[in-house]
Amino acid sequence: MSGGEVAGILVAVFWAILVSFLAVALARLAQTLRATTKLVADVTDQAVPLLADASAAVRSAQTQIDRVDAIASDVQEVTSNASALSTTVASTFGGPLVKVAAFGYGVRRALGGGRQDAPERTARRTVIVGRTVPAARWGRRNQRGKKD
């Protein structure tokens, strides 16, 4: 055997080993591709119903949002109507009621002021939440409370 023949045999052996490794690698790659294909098919089978459910949920949520929007606009309209009604009632009845109350107060004051036996007191006034209340009222209330 000459040197060329030995070299040819060595090249043939290395070539056979290389082809064997490539065959094993291709077999594993084919197995991985089959598993990946199966996985993608399973994900597709499960994802399609999930996407349909998610789409239905989004449509339902949109319907509910539309309903809430309609209710909110109705509530806003009712609130503005109630405000207008309150303003109308206050302007219609407020002035006459104040006049009647002032007239009643004047009549009570005129009838009550004619008594001579009542001791004269200095009129002290107390401010409570933006209005003036005679202090004599509070004194009578406190005296009644002390008697009990």
C-alpha atoms as a PDB file:
ATOM      1  CA  MET A   1       0.000   0.000   0.000  1.00  0.00           C
ATOM      2  CA  SER A   2       1.324   3.209  -0.967  1.00  0.00           C
ATOM      3  CA  GLY A   3       0.985   6.531   0.791  1.00  0.00           C
ATOM      4  CA  GLY A   4      -1.734   7.713  -1.619  1.00  0.00           C
ATOM      5  CA  GLU A   5      -3.886   4.678  -0.948  1.00  0.00           C
ATOM      6  CA  VAL A   6      -3.588   5.144   2.842  1.00  0.00           C
ATOM      7  CA  ALA A   7      -4.491   8.792   2.481  1.00  0.00           C
ATOM      8  CA  GLY A   8      -7.517   7.847   0.345  1.00  0.00           C
ATOM      9  CA  ILE A   9      -8.689   5.322   2.960  1.00  0.00           C
ATOM     10  CA  LEU A  10      -8.290   7.913   5.760  1.00  0.00           C
ATOM     11  CA  VAL A  11     -10.254  10.479   3.777  1.00  0.00           C
ATOM     12  CA  ALA A  12     -12.988   7.898   3.083  1.00  0.00           C
ATOM     13  CA  VAL A  13     -13.196   6.991   6.829  1.00  0.00           C
ATOM     14  CA  PHE A  14     -13.390  10.656   7.911  1.00  0.00           C
ATOM     15  CA  TRP A  15     -15.957  11.269   5.192  1.00  0.00           C
ATOM     16  CA  ALA A  16     -18.082   8.347   6.484  1.00  0.00           C
ATOM     17  CA  ILE A  17     -17.839   9.669  10.081  1.00  0.00           C
ATOM     18  CA  LEU A  18     -18.826  13.168   8.931  1.00  0.00           C
ATOM     19  CA  VAL A  19     -21.825  11.833   7.002  1.00  0.00           C
ATOM     20  CA  SER A  20     -22.870   9.767  10.055  1.00  0.00           C
ATOM     21  CA  PHE A  21     -22.767  12.853  12.316  1.00  0.00           C
ATOM     22  CA  LEU A  22     -24.712  14.853   9.739  1.00  0.00           C
ATOM     23  CA  ALA A  23     -27.318  12.063   9.453  1.00  0.00           C
ATOM     24  CA  VAL A  24     -27.792  12.005  13.253  1.00  0.00           C
ATOM     25  CA  ALA A  25     -28.050  15.811  13.339  1.00  0.00           C
ATOM     26  CA  LEU A  26     -30.616  15.815  10.505  1.00  0.00           C
ATOM     27  CA  ALA A  27     -32.638  13.078  12.252  1.00  0.00           C
ATOM     28  CA  ARG A  28     -32.753  15.154  15.486  1.00  0.00           C
ATOM     29  CA  LEU A  29     -33.608  18.287  13.509  1.00  0.00           C
ATOM     30  CA  ALA A  30     -36.482  16.426  11.794  1.00  0.00           C
ATOM     31  CA  GLN A  31     -37.736  15.246  15.219  1.00  0.00           C
ATOM     32  CA  THR A  32     -37.570  18.820  16.561  1.00  0.00           C
ATOM     33  CA  LEU A  33     -39.440  20.142  13.524  1.00  0.00           C
ATOM     34  CA  ARG A  34     -42.197  17.514  13.995  1.00  0.00           C
ATOM     35  CA  ALA A  35     -42.562  18.462  17.666  1.00  0.00           C
ATOM     36  CA  THR A  36     -42.639  22.161  16.767  1.00  0.00           C
ATOM     37  CA  THR A  37     -45.286  21.555  14.106  1.00  0.00           C
ATOM     38  CA  LYS A  38     -47.420  19.622  16.596  1.00  0.00           C
ATOM     39  CA  LEU A  39     -47.005  22.394  19.198  1.00  0.00           C
ATOM     40  CA  VAL A  40     -47.982  25.097  16.717  1.00  0.00           C
ATOM     41  CA  ALA A  41     -51.044  23.074  15.679  1.00  0.00           C
ATOM     42  CA  ASP A  42     -52.096  22.642  19.339  1.00  0.00           C
ATOM     43  CA  VAL A  43     -51.601  26.340  20.075  1.00  0.00           C
ATOM     44  CA  THR A  44     -53.622  27.244  16.997  1.00  0.00           C
ATOM     45  CA  ASP A  45     -56.417  24.876  18.039  1.00  0.00           C
ATOM     46  CA  GLN A  46     -56.535  26.460  21.506  1.00  0.00           C
ATOM     47  CA  ALA A  47     -55.906  30.058  20.449  1.00  0.00           C
ATOM     48  CA  VAL A  48     -58.778  30.333  17.984  1.00  0.00           C
ATOM     49  CA  PRO A  49     -61.512  29.690  20.613  1.00  0.00           C
ATOM     50  CA  LEU A  50     -59.697  31.938  23.089  1.00  0.00           C
ATOM     51  CA  LEU A  51     -59.569  34.747  20.555  1.00  0.00           C
ATOM     52  CA  ALA A  52     -63.272  34.256  19.805  1.00  0.00           C
ATOM     53  CA  ASP A  53     -64.062  34.430  23.558  1.00  0.00           C
ATOM     54  CA  ALA A  54     -61.891  37.511  23.963  1.00  0.00           C
ATOM     55  CA  SER A  55     -63.623  39.165  21.020  1.00  0.00           C
ATOM     56  CA  ALA A  56     -67.038  38.395  22.525  1.00  0.00           C
ATOM     57  CA  ALA A  57     -65.895  39.791  25.894  1.00  0.00           C
ATOM     58  CA  VAL A  58     -64.679  42.998  24.248  1.00  0.00           C
ATOM     59  CA  ARG A  59     -67.988  43.373  22.398  1.00  0.00           C
ATOM     60  CA  SER A  60     -69.901  42.818  25.643  1.00  0.00           C
ATOM     61  CA  ALA A  61     -67.723  45.355  27.449  1.00  0.00           C
ATOM     62  CA  GLN A  62     -68.330  47.877  24.676  1.00  0.00           C
ATOM     63  CA  THR A  63     -72.083  47.325  24.983  1.00  0.00           C
ATOM     64  CA  GLN A  64     -71.901  47.858  28.747  1.00  0.00           C
ATOM     65  CA  ILE A  65     -69.797  51.010  28.286  1.00  0.00           C
ATOM     66  CA  ASP A  66     -72.389  52.340  25.836  1.00  0.00           C
ATOM     67  CA  ARG A  67     -75.135  51.651  28.387  1.00  0.00           C
ATOM     68  CA  VAL A  68     -73.194  53.365  31.175  1.00  0.00           C
ATOM     69  CA  ASP A  69     -72.555  56.327  28.896  1.00  0.00           C
ATOM     70  CA  ALA A  70     -76.282  56.606  28.149  1.00  0.00           C
ATOM     71  CA  ILE A  71     -77.105  56.378  31.860  1.00  0.00           C
ATOM     72  CA  ALA A  72     -74.504  59.014  32.709  1.00  0.00           C
ATOM     73  CA  SER A  73     -75.911  61.396  30.115  1.00  0.00           C
ATOM     74  CA  ASP A  74     -79.427  60.802  31.460  1.00  0.00           C
ATOM     75  CA  VAL A  75     -78.230  61.465  35.008  1.00  0.00           C
ATOM     76  CA  GLN A  76     -76.557  64.660  33.850  1.00  0.00           C
ATOM     77  CA  GLU A  77     -79.784  65.772  32.181  1.00  0.00           C
ATOM     78  CA  VAL A  78     -81.815  64.957  35.307  1.00  0.00           C
ATOM     79  CA  THR A  79     -79.319  66.852  37.452  1.00  0.00           C
ATOM     80  CA  SER A  80     -79.528  69.927  35.262  1.00  0.00           C
ATOM     81  CA  ASN A  81     -83.351  69.708  35.270  1.00  0.00           C
ATOM     82  CA  ALA A  82     -83.378  69.385  39.075  1.00  0.00           C
ATOM     83  CA  SER A  83     -81.083  72.389  39.361  1.00  0.00           C
ATOM     84  CA  ALA A  84     -83.328  74.433  37.084  1.00  0.00           C
ATOM     85  CA  LEU A  85     -86.401  73.325  39.045  1.00  0.00           C
ATOM     86  CA  SER A  86     -84.716  74.239  42.328  1.00  0.00           C
ATOM     87  CA  THR A  87     -83.812  77.663  40.985  1.00  0.00           C
ATOM     88  CA  THR A  88     -87.368  78.190  39.696  1.00  0.00           C
ATOM     89  CA  VAL A  89     -88.949  77.136  43.004  1.00  0.00           C
ATOM     90  CA  ALA A  90     -86.558  79.319  44.981  1.00  0.00           C
ATOM     91  CA  SER A  91     -87.234  82.350  42.825  1.00  0.00           C
ATOM     92  CA  THR A  92     -91.013  81.742  42.732  1.00  0.00           C
ATOM     93  CA  PHE A  93     -91.650  80.970  46.394  1.00  0.00           C
ATOM     94  CA  GLY A  94     -88.558  82.427  48.024  1.00  0.00           C
ATOM     95  CA  GLY A  95     -89.491  86.100  47.745  1.00  0.00           C
ATOM     96  CA  PRO A  96     -93.093  85.762  48.939  1.00  0.00           C
ATOM     97  CA  LEU A  97     -92.116  83.414  51.777  1.00  0.00           C
ATOM     98  CA  VAL A  98     -89.506  85.862  52.997  1.00  0.00           C
ATOM     99  CA  LYS A  99     -92.107  88.629  52.904  1.00  0.00           C
ATOM    100  CA  VAL A 100     -94.648  86.512  54.821  1.00  0.00           C
ATOM    101  CA  ALA A 101     -92.014  85.576  57.392  1.00  0.00           C
ATOM    102  CA  ALA A 102     -90.994  89.206  57.793  1.00  0.00           C
ATOM    103  CA  PHE A 103     -94.648  90.226  58.174  1.00  0.00           C
ATOM    104  CA  GLY A 104     -95.202  87.511  60.791  1.00  0.00           C
ATOM    105  CA  TYR A 105     -92.107  88.584  62.646  1.00  0.00           C
ATOM    106  CA  GLY A 106     -93.305  92.192  62.602  1.00  0.00           C
ATOM    107  CA  VAL A 107     -96.735  91.193  63.899  1.00  0.00           C
ATOM    108  CA  ARG A 108     -95.214  89.114  66.715  1.00  0.00           C
ATOM    109  CA  ARG A 109     -92.847  91.901  67.546  1.00  0.00           C
ATOM    110  CA  ALA A 110     -95.688  94.446  67.612  1.00  0.00           C
ATOM    111  CA  LEU A 111     -97.918  92.234  69.743  1.00  0.00           C
ATOM    112  CA  GLY A 112     -95.116  91.098  72.037  1.00  0.00           C
ATOM    113  CA  GLY A 113     -93.555  94.558  72.406  1.00  0.00           C
ATOM    114  CA  GLY A 114     -96.691  96.032  74.004  1.00  0.00           C
ATOM    115  CA  ARG A 115     -96.171  94.223  77.346  1.00  0.00           C
ATOM    116  CA  GLN A 116     -95.140  96.542  80.154  1.00  0.00           C
ATOM    117  CA  ASP A 117     -94.267  93.848  82.717  1.00  0.00           C
ATOM    118  CA  ALA A 118     -91.370  92.414  80.725  1.00  0.00           C
ATOM    119  CA  PRO A 119     -87.979  93.617  82.024  1.00  0.00           C
ATOM    120  CA  GLU A 120     -85.885  95.509  79.546  1.00  0.00           C
ATOM    121  CA  ARG A 121     -82.761  93.741  78.442  1.00  0.00           C
ATOM    122  CA  THR A 122     -79.999  94.905  76.243  1.00  0.00           C
ATOM    123  CA  ALA A 123     -80.244  93.202  72.915  1.00  0.00           C
ATOM    124  CA  ARG A 124     -77.125  91.110  72.493  1.00  0.00           C
ATOM    125  CA  ARG A 125     -76.711  89.382  69.200  1.00  0.00           C
ATOM    126  CA  THR A 126     -74.722  86.315  68.294  1.00  0.00           C
ATOM    127  CA  VAL A 127     -73.566  85.424  64.788  1.00  0.00           C
ATOM    128  CA  ILE A 128     -74.210  81.826  63.789  1.00  0.00           C
ATOM    129  CA  VAL A 129     -73.411  80.558  60.300  1.00  0.00           C
ATOM    130  CA  GLY A 130     -73.826  83.878  58.575  1.00  0.00           C
ATOM    131  CA  ARG A 131     -77.008  85.063  60.320  1.00  0.00           C
ATOM    132  CA  THR A 132     -77.733  87.050  63.444  1.00  0.00           C
ATOM    133  CA  VAL A 133     -79.764  85.488  66.257  1.00  0.00           C
ATOM    134  CA  PRO A 134     -80.859  87.445  69.339  1.00  0.00           C
ATOM    135  CA  ALA A 135     -79.021  86.242  72.416  1.00  0.00           C
ATOM    136  CA  ALA A 136     -82.199  86.502  74.516  1.00  0.00           C
ATOM    137  CA  ARG A 137     -83.597  83.406  72.790  1.00  0.00           C
ATOM    138  CA  TRP A 138     -80.550  81.411  73.745  1.00  0.00           C
ATOM    139  CA  GLY A 139     -80.809  82.661  77.322  1.00  0.00           C
ATOM    140  CA  ARG A 140     -84.446  81.504  77.609  1.00  0.00           C
ATOM    141  CA  ARG A 141     -83.561  78.106  76.202  1.00  0.00           C
ATOM    142  CA  ASN A 142     -80.700  77.706  78.620  1.00  0.00           C
ATOM    143  CA  GLN A 143     -82.915  78.751  81.559  1.00  0.00           C
ATOM    144  CA  ARG A 144     -85.544  76.174  80.571  1.00  0.00           C
ATOM    145  CA  GLY A 145     -82.860  73.527  80.378  1.00  0.00           C
ATOM    146  CA  LYS A 146     -81.640  74.380  83.879  1.00  0.00           C
ATOM    147  CA  LYS A 147     -85.134  74.027  85.377  1.00  0.00           C
ATOM    148  CA  ASP A 148     -85.460  70.451  84.133  1.00  0.00           C
END
